[in-house]
């Protein structure tokens, strides 16, 4: 079974390799991807780190120390090629759904900010090219007040609980 991917998007070449792009208008609030319907496994941090070290970082953090991942290249699907942006057009609903934060025009790349779901210890250089680019993203970015205000309801459920204390 595959993850739900909106019929309004398709995978194509992006400035960061491959990405998902809208080829029809997507309305605010529409589900773009639902990972919960597809293949993948829940992994503890130790096992997720092994995949990351092999360059297989097709995962989304769903709780402290827990990730949902495509665990081999055969399981990769279009849904796994959503890239990060510091100025995203999508956010997280629940823990495994990617939803449009605003209307998305045909030709736009589908992106979300990894701060919406990541709290693990990592840092990486950002190549999003947004005027709002943080230049480096990390597992602590969800703590930034400006991002909490900007994304409000678009954080993974476990981060919403942390933010609301």
Foldseek 3Di string as FASTA:
>chain_A
DAKDADPQWDWDQDPVGIFIFGQAKAAAFAWGTFRVVHDWDKAFQVVQVVCVVVVQNQWFAQAHRIITGDPDPVRDDNVSHAEADPDAQWFAAARGIIGGNHIHHGPDTHHYHSLQTAQDADKDADDRPDPRDPRMDGNCPVVDPVVCVVQVNRHHPNSNVVVVD
